[in-house]
Amino acid sequence: MNIYIRQESVNDYQAVFDLIEQAFKYEEHSTHQEQFLVEKLRQSPEFIPKLSLIAEVNNKPIGYILLTKIKIHNEEKKEDYPSLALAPIAVLPEFQGKGVGGRLIEEAHKIAAQLDFGSIILLGHASYYPRFGYVTMAEYGINMPFDVPDENCMLIELREKALAGLQGTVVYPEEFGII
């Protein structure tokens, strides 16, 4: 299977909406609202078009990934540190388990590093993301702003020691609906 990864364009919005909806339709740990989140995030000042990627096979979108700017807030130092949130990643059900998600993650990591971001944070399956270098946020003293099991809160440093000595809480853009 020849997978082509490219930046999303405005012309892709409906296809991406449908793709995300299908990908999460039977996902147990989902709000089934991920497609609406993407629509909101595209309007956010934290949206980075270069980090909104589509995987295609024969010109058909089969996968999608979005990285959005977030902050890690250190209350003690009253400082914010830039990072990225990986949310969502979606692959059409008939293409899941075939490496599409992995290719999207690797390409998104590469572009994020080229854009000089040092880290990516996500909430996801504990058995999937470690193969791409993700570790639990607890290892760094970084927390989510809501209650969730530590094993599902992960991060990766795109630059060595990008998060060295940093502790704090993730701050999501308002479009995520997290207060």
C-alpha atoms as a PDB file:
ATOM      1  CA  MET A   1       0.000   0.000   0.000  1.00  0.00           C
ATOM      2  CA  ASN A   2       1.477   3.305  -1.107  1.00  0.00           C
ATOM      3  CA  ILE A   3       0.648   5.952   1.544  1.00  0.00           C
ATOM      4  CA  TYR A   4       1.086   9.610   0.665  1.00  0.00           C
ATOM      5  CA  ILE A   5       1.071  12.170   3.503  1.00  0.00           C
ATOM      6  CA  ARG A   6       0.348  15.823   2.873  1.00  0.00           C
ATOM      7  CA  GLN A   7      -0.896  18.971   4.555  1.00  0.00           C
ATOM      8  CA  GLU A   8      -4.658  19.303   4.775  1.00  0.00           C
ATOM      9  CA  SER A   9      -6.311  22.001   2.626  1.00  0.00           C
ATOM     10  CA  VAL A  10      -9.673  23.749   2.947  1.00  0.00           C
ATOM     11  CA  ASN A  11     -10.991  21.441   0.219  1.00  0.00           C
ATOM     12  CA  ASP A  12     -10.372  18.464   2.532  1.00  0.00           C
ATOM     13  CA  TYR A  13     -12.476  19.667   5.456  1.00  0.00           C
ATOM     14  CA  GLN A  14     -15.614  17.624   4.720  1.00  0.00           C
ATOM     15  CA  ALA A  15     -13.655  14.467   3.878  1.00  0.00           C
ATOM     16  CA  VAL A  16     -11.655  14.855   7.122  1.00  0.00           C
ATOM     17  CA  PHE A  17     -14.852  15.410   9.122  1.00  0.00           C
ATOM     18  CA  ASP A  18     -16.334  12.187   7.708  1.00  0.00           C
ATOM     19  CA  LEU A  19     -13.069  10.269   8.168  1.00  0.00           C
ATOM     20  CA  ILE A  20     -12.780  11.249  11.847  1.00  0.00           C
ATOM     21  CA  GLU A  21     -16.438  10.444  12.476  1.00  0.00           C
ATOM     22  CA  GLN A  22     -16.014   6.964  10.961  1.00  0.00           C
ATOM     23  CA  ALA A  23     -12.709   6.310  12.727  1.00  0.00           C
ATOM     24  CA  PHE A  24     -14.155   7.013  16.192  1.00  0.00           C
ATOM     25  CA  LYS A  25     -17.659   5.620  15.611  1.00  0.00           C
ATOM     26  CA  TYR A  26     -17.067   2.440  17.630  1.00  0.00           C
ATOM     27  CA  GLU A  27     -14.251   3.699  19.867  1.00  0.00           C
ATOM     28  CA  GLU A  28     -15.187   2.932  23.465  1.00  0.00           C
ATOM     29  CA  HIS A  29     -13.131   5.748  25.042  1.00  0.00           C
ATOM     30  CA  SER A  30     -14.414   8.556  22.855  1.00  0.00           C
ATOM     31  CA  THR A  31     -16.882  11.400  23.116  1.00  0.00           C
ATOM     32  CA  HIS A  32     -17.586  10.880  19.392  1.00  0.00           C
ATOM     33  CA  GLN A  33     -17.105  14.619  19.013  1.00  0.00           C
ATOM     34  CA  GLU A  34     -13.515  14.619  17.672  1.00  0.00           C
ATOM     35  CA  GLN A  35     -14.594  15.854  14.230  1.00  0.00           C
ATOM     36  CA  PHE A  36     -16.219  18.912  15.834  1.00  0.00           C
ATOM     37  CA  LEU A  37     -13.092  19.555  17.900  1.00  0.00           C
ATOM     38  CA  VAL A  38     -11.036  19.700  14.703  1.00  0.00           C
ATOM     39  CA  GLU A  39     -13.475  22.223  13.213  1.00  0.00           C
ATOM     40  CA  LYS A  40     -13.086  24.419  16.311  1.00  0.00           C
ATOM     41  CA  LEU A  41      -9.302  24.062  16.428  1.00  0.00           C
ATOM     42  CA  ARG A  42      -8.950  25.200  12.807  1.00  0.00           C
ATOM     43  CA  GLN A  43     -10.413  28.541  13.953  1.00  0.00           C
ATOM     44  CA  SER A  44      -8.050  28.814  16.914  1.00  0.00           C
ATOM     45  CA  PRO A  45      -4.936  31.004  16.973  1.00  0.00           C
ATOM     46  CA  GLU A  46      -3.174  27.836  18.220  1.00  0.00           C
ATOM     47  CA  PHE A  47      -3.859  26.019  14.922  1.00  0.00           C
ATOM     48  CA  ILE A  48      -0.785  25.282  12.798  1.00  0.00           C
ATOM     49  CA  PRO A  49      -1.786  24.348   9.217  1.00  0.00           C
ATOM     50  CA  LYS A  50       1.531  22.552   8.614  1.00  0.00           C
ATOM     51  CA  LEU A  51       0.654  20.161  11.462  1.00  0.00           C
ATOM     52  CA  SER A  52      -2.768  19.220  10.085  1.00  0.00           C
ATOM     53  CA  LEU A  53      -1.904  16.181   7.958  1.00  0.00           C
ATOM     54  CA  ILE A  54      -3.778  13.703   5.783  1.00  0.00           C
ATOM     55  CA  ALA A  55      -2.696  10.208   4.766  1.00  0.00           C
ATOM     56  CA  GLU A  56      -3.955   9.188   1.333  1.00  0.00           C
ATOM     57  CA  VAL A  57      -4.051   6.025  -0.719  1.00  0.00           C
ATOM     58  CA  ASN A  58      -4.964   6.485  -4.392  1.00  0.00           C
ATOM     59  CA  ASN A  59      -5.973  10.118  -3.667  1.00  0.00           C
ATOM     60  CA  LYS A  60      -8.459   8.974  -0.997  1.00  0.00           C
ATOM     61  CA  PRO A  61      -8.012  10.338   2.555  1.00  0.00           C
ATOM     62  CA  ILE A  62      -7.654   7.360   4.908  1.00  0.00           C
ATOM     63  CA  GLY A  63      -5.987   8.974   7.928  1.00  0.00           C
ATOM     64  CA  TYR A  64      -5.614  12.297   9.708  1.00  0.00           C
ATOM     65  CA  ILE A  65      -3.520  13.809  12.495  1.00  0.00           C
ATOM     66  CA  LEU A  66      -3.565  17.241  14.126  1.00  0.00           C
ATOM     67  CA  LEU A  67      -1.008  18.836  16.435  1.00  0.00           C
ATOM     68  CA  THR A  68      -2.093  22.060  18.136  1.00  0.00           C
ATOM     69  CA  LYS A  69      -0.138  24.544  20.264  1.00  0.00           C
ATOM     70  CA  ILE A  70      -0.590  24.168  24.008  1.00  0.00           C
ATOM     71  CA  LYS A  71       1.284  25.331  27.115  1.00  0.00           C
ATOM     72  CA  ILE A  72       2.686  23.711  30.194  1.00  0.00           C
ATOM     73  CA  HIS A  73       2.110  26.070  33.104  1.00  0.00           C
ATOM     74  CA  ASN A  74       4.457  26.077  36.077  1.00  0.00           C
ATOM     75  CA  GLU A  75       2.496  27.670  38.909  1.00  0.00           C
ATOM     76  CA  GLU A  76       5.518  28.079  41.193  1.00  0.00           C
ATOM     77  CA  LYS A  77       7.545  29.994  38.603  1.00  0.00           C
ATOM     78  CA  LYS A  78       4.479  31.650  37.033  1.00  0.00           C
ATOM     79  CA  GLU A  79       5.812  30.618  33.611  1.00  0.00           C
ATOM     80  CA  ASP A  80       4.365  28.931  30.542  1.00  0.00           C
ATOM     81  CA  TYR A  81       6.322  26.628  28.255  1.00  0.00           C
ATOM     82  CA  PRO A  82       5.215  25.863  24.691  1.00  0.00           C
ATOM     83  CA  SER A  83       4.346  22.344  23.600  1.00  0.00           C
ATOM     84  CA  LEU A  84       1.964  20.600  21.202  1.00  0.00           C
ATOM     85  CA  ALA A  85      -1.094  18.413  21.737  1.00  0.00           C
ATOM     86  CA  LEU A  86      -1.624  15.414  19.498  1.00  0.00           C
ATOM     87  CA  ALA A  87      -5.398  15.255  19.105  1.00  0.00           C
ATOM     88  CA  PRO A  88      -6.865  13.642  17.225  1.00  0.00           C
ATOM     89  CA  ILE A  89      -5.299  10.924  15.151  1.00  0.00           C
ATOM     90  CA  ALA A  90      -7.834   9.023  13.066  1.00  0.00           C
ATOM     91  CA  VAL A  91      -7.629   6.192  10.545  1.00  0.00           C
ATOM     92  CA  LEU A  92     -10.555   4.719   8.634  1.00  0.00           C
ATOM     93  CA  PRO A  93     -11.505   1.372  10.204  1.00  0.00           C
ATOM     94  CA  GLU A  94     -10.595  -0.674   7.108  1.00  0.00           C
ATOM     95  CA  PHE A  95      -7.051   0.781   7.195  1.00  0.00           C
ATOM     96  CA  GLN A  96      -6.418   0.468  10.943  1.00  0.00           C
ATOM     97  CA  GLY A  97      -3.574  -1.822  11.965  1.00  0.00           C
ATOM     98  CA  LYS A  98      -1.722  -1.268   8.677  1.00  0.00           C
ATOM     99  CA  GLY A  99       0.802   1.366   9.756  1.00  0.00           C
ATOM    100  CA  VAL A 100      -1.122   4.454   8.625  1.00  0.00           C
ATOM    101  CA  GLY A 101      -1.290   5.982  12.106  1.00  0.00           C
ATOM    102  CA  GLY A 102       2.404   5.326  12.650  1.00  0.00           C
ATOM    103  CA  ARG A 103       3.331   7.037   9.407  1.00  0.00           C
ATOM    104  CA  LEU A 104       1.210  10.061  10.360  1.00  0.00           C
ATOM    105  CA  ILE A 105       2.819  10.246  13.803  1.00  0.00           C
ATOM    106  CA  GLU A 106       6.351  10.021  12.397  1.00  0.00           C
ATOM    107  CA  GLU A 107       5.677  12.716   9.793  1.00  0.00           C
ATOM    108  CA  ALA A 108       4.020  14.987  12.365  1.00  0.00           C
ATOM    109  CA  HIS A 109       7.034  14.540  14.687  1.00  0.00           C
ATOM    110  CA  LYS A 110       9.403  15.453  11.860  1.00  0.00           C
ATOM    111  CA  ILE A 111       7.508  18.601  10.876  1.00  0.00           C
ATOM    112  CA  ALA A 112       7.015  19.688  14.520  1.00  0.00           C
ATOM    113  CA  ALA A 113      10.769  19.370  15.123  1.00  0.00           C
ATOM    114  CA  GLN A 114      11.483  21.381  11.954  1.00  0.00           C
ATOM    115  CA  LEU A 115       9.142  24.080  13.325  1.00  0.00           C
ATOM    116  CA  ASP A 116      11.292  24.063  16.496  1.00  0.00           C
ATOM    117  CA  PHE A 117       8.788  22.555  18.903  1.00  0.00           C
ATOM    118  CA  GLY A 118      10.418  20.579  21.697  1.00  0.00           C
ATOM    119  CA  SER A 119       7.629  18.274  22.844  1.00  0.00           C
ATOM    120  CA  ILE A 120       4.254  16.711  22.164  1.00  0.00           C
ATOM    121  CA  ILE A 121       1.663  15.695  24.745  1.00  0.00           C
ATOM    122  CA  LEU A 122      -1.250  13.330  24.293  1.00  0.00           C
ATOM    123  CA  LEU A 123      -3.973  11.400  26.008  1.00  0.00           C
ATOM    124  CA  GLY A 124      -4.182   7.944  24.486  1.00  0.00           C
ATOM    125  CA  HIS A 125      -3.831   4.176  24.562  1.00  0.00           C
ATOM    126  CA  ALA A 126      -0.960   3.180  26.853  1.00  0.00           C
ATOM    127  CA  SER A 127      -0.090   0.190  24.667  1.00  0.00           C
ATOM    128  CA  TYR A 128       0.162   2.092  21.368  1.00  0.00           C
ATOM    129  CA  TYR A 129       2.186   5.295  21.758  1.00  0.00           C
ATOM    130  CA  PRO A 130       5.310   4.033  23.576  1.00  0.00           C
ATOM    131  CA  ARG A 131       6.472   2.403  20.311  1.00  0.00           C
ATOM    132  CA  PHE A 132       6.947   5.963  18.979  1.00  0.00           C
ATOM    133  CA  GLY A 133       8.971   7.080  21.996  1.00  0.00           C
ATOM    134  CA  TYR A 134       6.180   8.365  24.236  1.00  0.00           C
ATOM    135  CA  VAL A 135       6.540   8.010  28.014  1.00  0.00           C
ATOM    136  CA  THR A 136       4.188   8.888  30.836  1.00  0.00           C
ATOM    137  CA  MET A 137       3.970  12.559  31.746  1.00  0.00           C
ATOM    138  CA  ALA A 138       4.303  11.588  35.405  1.00  0.00           C
ATOM    139  CA  GLU A 139       7.976  10.783  34.708  1.00  0.00           C
ATOM    140  CA  TYR A 140       8.446  14.506  34.069  1.00  0.00           C
ATOM    141  CA  GLY A 141       6.161  15.882  36.778  1.00  0.00           C
ATOM    142  CA  ILE A 142       3.699  17.174  34.203  1.00  0.00           C
ATOM    143  CA  ASN A 143      -0.038  16.759  34.828  1.00  0.00           C
ATOM    144  CA  MET A 144      -3.259  16.986  32.879  1.00  0.00           C
ATOM    145  CA  PRO A 145      -5.804  19.562  34.070  1.00  0.00           C
ATOM    146  CA  PHE A 146      -8.337  16.764  34.660  1.00  0.00           C
ATOM    147  CA  ASP A 147      -8.449  13.322  36.277  1.00  0.00           C
ATOM    148  CA  VAL A 148      -7.216  10.523  34.028  1.00  0.00           C
ATOM    149  CA  PRO A 149      -5.003   7.474  34.607  1.00  0.00           C
ATOM    150  CA  ASP A 150      -1.279   8.289  34.465  1.00  0.00           C
ATOM    151  CA  GLU A 151      -0.594   5.536  31.929  1.00  0.00           C
ATOM    152  CA  ASN A 152      -2.771   7.331  29.351  1.00  0.00           C
ATOM    153  CA  CYS A 153      -1.059  10.728  29.732  1.00  0.00           C
ATOM    154  CA  MET A 154       2.058  10.679  27.594  1.00  0.00           C
ATOM    155  CA  LEU A 155       4.667  12.906  26.050  1.00  0.00           C
ATOM    156  CA  ILE A 156       7.683  12.820  23.813  1.00  0.00           C
ATOM    157  CA  GLU A 157      10.643  15.174  23.664  1.00  0.00           C
ATOM    158  CA  LEU A 158      11.444  16.127  20.079  1.00  0.00           C
ATOM    159  CA  ARG A 159      14.704  17.698  21.249  1.00  0.00           C
ATOM    160  CA  GLU A 160      16.918  16.181  23.880  1.00  0.00           C
ATOM    161  CA  LYS A 161      16.163  17.669  27.306  1.00  0.00           C
ATOM    162  CA  ALA A 162      13.411  19.912  25.909  1.00  0.00           C
ATOM    163  CA  LEU A 163      11.478  19.385  29.141  1.00  0.00           C
ATOM    164  CA  ALA A 164      14.437  19.044  31.520  1.00  0.00           C
ATOM    165  CA  GLY A 165      13.576  20.416  34.936  1.00  0.00           C
ATOM    166  CA  LEU A 166      10.088  21.438  33.850  1.00  0.00           C
ATOM    167  CA  GLN A 167       7.074  20.602  35.986  1.00  0.00           C
ATOM    168  CA  GLY A 168       3.541  21.850  35.629  1.00  0.00           C
ATOM    169  CA  THR A 169       0.064  21.414  34.258  1.00  0.00           C
ATOM    170  CA  VAL A 170      -1.003  21.252  30.632  1.00  0.00           C
ATOM    171  CA  VAL A 171      -3.097  24.215  29.477  1.00  0.00           C
ATOM    172  CA  TYR A 172      -5.247  23.499  26.420  1.00  0.00           C
ATOM    173  CA  PRO A 173      -6.735  26.132  24.100  1.00  0.00           C
ATOM    174  CA  GLU A 174     -10.331  27.000  24.986  1.00  0.00           C
ATOM    175  CA  GLU A 175     -11.560  25.108  21.915  1.00  0.00           C
ATOM    176  CA  PHE A 176     -10.832  21.848  23.738  1.00  0.00           C
ATOM    177  CA  GLY A 177     -13.547  22.771  26.254  1.00  0.00           C
ATOM    178  CA  ILE A 178     -11.324  22.072  29.266  1.00  0.00           C
ATOM    179  CA  ILE A 179     -11.576  24.582  32.063  1.00  0.00           C
END
